[in-house]
Amino acid sequence: MNRTFKKFTVQTGGTPQPLVGTYVTATAIPSALDPQGQTFTTLAVNDSSMLLQGDYVVLQSVTYTNKELVPVQKIVSGTSIVVRNSVLTRVGGAFGTGDFVSLAIPVNGVFIQATPGNAGLLYIGTVGLVKATEVNVIATLQNFAAGVQPIFYNDSRYYTADPCNASDLWVDGTTGDGYLPSFPVA
């Protein structure tokens, strides 16, 4: 089975972002513990379309600190989700200032296709990716014109169960450049 998504775009070139994720737009404070010892935190996000109820997400600051792995309890709207058991206050704001929310599901492979008409290279990598020096870069995808064979990255490590987690993958490039990610999942 494949998990497919909409076209994503690079929000701000020079600021890496989760390959499949979003960011918190308003600061959120975890609720008090309920009788079962759990918290439920409503997060205002830029876009929740890539998430499903029950998915796990990694919440982390823009400096890749204050990480939490939490389940999505509920998708409230296209810009609001509820997560369970977050204990840290999440910082909100514009892209590059609000905490990141990365889809964190185990995947058996990664397929990323650049979209036609991009202005520059797409840099695919891991947390801490730096496009200027290619630190933590796995692959670069060349821009191409419409009507030309699409450029893609395909990591087909199917030899073990779930060798990668979606939250490990990040992207950077030119502001507004697009890409289409999908994951084979078990």
Protein backbone atom coordinates (compact mmCIF):
# COMPACT_ATOMS: atom_id res chain seq x y z
CA MET A 1 0.00 0.00 0.00
CA ASN A 2 1.18 3.56 -0.70
CA ARG A 3 0.63 6.63 1.42
CA THR A 4 0.34 9.54 -1.01
CA PHE A 5 0.04 13.26 -0.41
CA LYS A 6 -0.70 16.51 -2.17
CA LYS A 7 1.96 18.67 -3.79
CA PHE A 8 4.12 20.32 -1.15
CA THR A 9 6.18 23.46 -1.72
CA VAL A 10 9.34 24.79 -0.15
CA GLN A 11 8.10 27.48 2.23
CA THR A 12 11.32 29.51 2.51
CA GLY A 13 14.51 28.57 0.70
CA GLY A 14 17.39 28.17 3.14
CA THR A 15 15.13 26.99 5.97
CA PRO A 16 14.81 23.19 5.87
CA GLN A 17 11.35 21.78 6.52
CA PRO A 18 9.95 18.32 7.17
CA LEU A 19 9.43 16.46 3.89
CA VAL A 20 5.88 15.67 5.03
CA GLY A 21 4.81 18.03 7.75
CA THR A 22 3.64 21.44 8.80
CA TYR A 23 4.31 24.01 11.51
CA VAL A 24 2.52 25.37 14.59
CA THR A 25 0.97 28.80 13.97
CA ALA A 26 -0.14 29.71 17.51
CA THR A 27 1.53 28.89 20.83
CA ALA A 28 -0.14 25.94 22.59
CA ILE A 29 0.06 24.96 26.24
CA PRO A 30 -0.69 21.32 27.14
CA SER A 31 -3.87 20.68 29.10
CA ALA A 32 -3.81 19.47 32.67
CA LEU A 33 -3.59 15.72 33.15
CA ASP A 34 -6.96 14.00 32.82
CA PRO A 35 -7.99 11.19 35.24
CA GLN A 36 -6.16 8.65 33.05
CA GLY A 37 -2.94 10.69 33.25
CA GLN A 38 -3.04 11.99 29.68
CA THR A 39 -2.93 15.46 28.18
CA PHE A 40 -4.74 16.65 25.07
CA THR A 41 -3.30 19.67 23.29
CA THR A 42 -4.99 21.47 20.42
CA LEU A 43 -2.42 22.73 17.92
CA ALA A 44 -3.15 25.41 15.34
CA VAL A 45 -1.12 24.35 12.31
CA ASN A 46 -0.57 25.73 8.84
CA ASP A 47 -1.99 22.61 7.16
CA SER A 48 -3.22 19.30 8.55
CA SER A 49 -4.02 17.61 5.22
CA MET A 50 -1.13 15.13 5.43
CA LEU A 51 -2.23 13.71 8.79
CA LEU A 52 -4.70 11.01 9.76
CA GLN A 53 -6.19 10.29 13.15
CA GLY A 54 -3.87 7.81 14.87
CA ASP A 55 -0.74 8.92 13.02
CA TYR A 56 2.28 9.69 15.13
CA VAL A 57 4.02 13.04 14.70
CA VAL A 58 7.29 14.49 15.92
CA LEU A 59 6.92 17.95 17.42
CA GLN A 60 10.17 19.90 17.60
CA SER A 61 11.48 23.44 17.71
CA VAL A 62 12.96 25.11 14.66
CA THR A 63 16.38 24.39 16.18
CA TYR A 64 15.52 20.64 16.25
CA THR A 65 15.24 20.56 20.05
CA ASN A 66 12.35 19.93 22.46
CA LYS A 67 11.32 16.83 20.52
CA GLU A 68 8.20 14.87 21.37
CA LEU A 69 6.73 11.83 19.61
CA VAL A 70 2.95 11.97 20.10
CA PRO A 71 -0.15 10.49 18.46
CA VAL A 72 -2.72 12.58 16.60
CA GLN A 73 -5.91 12.18 18.61
CA LYS A 74 -8.16 14.13 16.25
CA ILE A 75 -8.10 16.22 13.09
CA VAL A 76 -10.28 19.20 14.01
CA SER A 77 -9.99 21.07 10.71
CA GLY A 78 -7.58 21.82 7.89
CA THR A 79 -5.63 24.00 10.31
CA SER A 80 -6.14 22.36 13.70
CA ILE A 81 -5.24 19.03 15.29
CA VAL A 82 -5.38 17.53 18.77
CA VAL A 83 -2.36 15.55 19.97
CA ARG A 84 -2.21 13.28 23.01
CA ASN A 85 0.46 13.32 25.73
CA SER A 86 2.42 16.40 24.70
CA VAL A 87 3.94 17.88 27.84
CA LEU A 88 5.84 20.84 26.37
CA THR A 89 4.50 24.23 25.40
CA ARG A 90 4.67 24.41 21.60
CA VAL A 91 5.84 27.67 20.04
CA GLY A 92 3.67 29.14 17.30
CA GLY A 93 4.35 31.64 14.59
CA ALA A 94 5.12 32.03 10.92
CA PHE A 95 7.11 29.41 9.03
CA GLY A 96 10.62 29.21 10.48
CA THR A 97 9.51 30.45 13.90
CA GLY A 98 6.71 28.05 14.83
CA ASP A 99 7.56 24.51 15.97
CA PHE A 100 7.64 21.86 13.26
CA VAL A 101 5.17 18.96 13.08
CA SER A 102 6.58 16.00 11.11
CA LEU A 103 4.62 12.92 10.09
CA ALA A 104 6.32 10.06 11.98
CA ILE A 105 5.20 6.77 10.46
CA PRO A 106 7.48 3.84 9.62
CA VAL A 107 7.97 3.50 5.86
CA ASN A 108 9.46 0.85 3.60
CA GLY A 109 10.65 3.24 0.93
CA VAL A 110 10.53 6.82 -0.19
CA PHE A 111 9.54 8.24 -3.56
CA ILE A 112 9.86 11.99 -4.18
CA GLN A 113 9.22 13.58 -7.54
CA ALA A 114 10.11 17.19 -8.31
CA THR A 115 7.35 19.13 -10.05
CA PRO A 116 7.84 20.74 -13.47
CA GLY A 117 8.95 24.37 -13.59
CA ASN A 118 10.83 24.49 -10.30
CA ALA A 119 13.36 27.33 -10.16
CA GLY A 120 16.22 25.41 -8.57
CA LEU A 121 17.44 22.20 -7.02
CA LEU A 122 15.49 20.36 -4.33
CA TYR A 123 17.67 19.05 -1.52
CA ILE A 124 16.43 15.87 0.17
CA GLY A 125 18.08 14.99 3.46
CA THR A 126 17.78 14.44 7.16
CA VAL A 127 17.41 16.70 10.20
CA GLY A 128 20.08 19.38 10.12
CA LEU A 129 20.16 19.52 6.31
CA VAL A 130 22.18 22.49 5.02
CA LYS A 131 21.74 23.02 1.29
CA ALA A 132 24.66 25.49 1.00
CA THR A 133 27.21 22.89 2.16
CA GLU A 134 25.15 19.75 1.44
CA VAL A 135 25.48 18.59 5.05
CA ASN A 136 22.96 15.78 5.73
CA VAL A 137 21.84 15.81 2.07
CA ILE A 138 20.82 12.44 0.63
CA ALA A 139 19.96 13.58 -2.89
CA THR A 140 19.46 16.65 -5.06
CA LEU A 141 16.69 16.82 -7.63
CA GLN A 142 17.34 18.95 -10.71
CA ASN A 143 14.67 21.36 -11.91
CA PHE A 144 13.08 20.54 -15.29
CA ALA A 145 10.52 21.96 -17.70
CA ALA A 146 6.98 20.72 -18.32
CA GLY A 147 6.81 17.92 -20.87
CA VAL A 148 10.23 16.55 -19.86
CA GLN A 149 10.80 13.26 -18.03
CA PRO A 150 10.26 14.05 -14.31
CA ILE A 151 13.20 13.95 -11.93
CA PHE A 152 12.72 11.81 -8.83
CA TYR A 153 14.40 10.19 -5.85
CA ASN A 154 13.50 6.60 -5.03
CA ASP A 155 14.83 4.88 -1.93
CA SER A 156 13.67 1.33 -2.41
CA ARG A 157 15.01 -0.34 0.72
CA TYR A 158 12.34 -3.02 0.94
CA TYR A 159 14.62 -5.68 2.41
CA THR A 160 13.52 -5.19 6.03
CA ALA A 161 10.31 -4.09 7.66
CA ASP A 162 10.08 -0.30 7.91
CA PRO A 163 13.77 0.68 7.62
CA CYS A 164 12.97 4.40 7.75
CA ASN A 165 10.69 6.82 9.55
CA ALA A 166 8.97 9.61 7.60
CA SER A 167 10.02 12.17 10.24
CA ASP A 168 13.68 11.53 9.41
CA LEU A 169 13.29 13.18 5.99
CA TRP A 170 13.63 16.92 5.35
CA VAL A 171 13.70 19.12 2.25
CA ASP A 172 15.04 22.51 1.22
CA GLY A 173 15.30 24.36 -2.05
CA THR A 174 14.02 27.51 -3.68
CA THR A 175 10.94 29.20 -2.19
CA GLY A 176 7.81 27.96 -3.95
CA ASP A 177 9.40 24.92 -5.64
CA GLY A 178 7.21 21.83 -5.46
CA TYR A 179 7.53 18.12 -4.85
CA LEU A 180 5.29 15.06 -4.61
CA PRO A 181 6.22 12.59 -1.85
CA SER A 182 4.80 9.11 -1.31
CA PHE A 183 5.71 6.20 0.93
CA PRO A 184 5.15 2.47 0.58
CA VAL A 185 3.91 1.36 4.01
CA ALA A 186 3.41 -2.10 5.46
